[in-house]
Amino acid sequence: MVFRRILRRSSPTEPDPTSAETPQSIPSLPYSWILSNQLAIGPMPQASGHWDQLQEAGFQSRFSCCYEEEEQFGAKLPDGWSSSGVALPDHREQEPLQPDRLIIAIRSAHLLVTESSPTYLHCLAGRERSSLMAVALTSLIKNLDIFESLDWVRRCHPKASPLYDQLEILDQVLRQLKQ
């Protein structure tokens, strides 16, 4: 497939959600702007200081691609933030990605970005699911095809590693949404 050639297969490592860190040892949250002052992606905030960092950068909304069980390992979302999310599968293949579920996620995230920018988009590690969604949103907002959007996201967020089979589904979904 076309996506196999353009994607480097990697084995993303995910943060250890059970690690006990003191506030002094918690590193800053690594995130990347995809669309200036509209959309950034990265890993799930693991400490309240991460939310503080995002808030200081101007964020007050987030979209999560995590499953409920993953969310329990993250820091509690502060009051006053706009929040939405749709659980999407990653390389662990919890379930196959369903096009209808992806459409719901894209529409929900797009609404959040247009009404509550800037939006922080995250999955557990900030590599697969959030990257897939960033490609989708970049394609819709900037009216780019999927290849241009993937290239854009990868230049902005070098850790971006959406799964090739999910990109194939996304390509079909974007064609449907842009009609």
Foldseek 3Di string as FASTA:
>chain_A
DVLVVVFDDDDDDFDDLPDDDDPVPDDEFDWWDLDPQQEIEFAAAQEVVNLVVVVVVPAQEEEEQEDPVLCVSHYDHDPRGHYYYQHDDAPVCPDDGDLVSVLVRLVVVLVCRVPGTRYYYYYHGRAEPSLLSQLLNCCVVVVDQSVVSNVSSCVRPVSHGYDSVVSVSSNVSSVVVVD
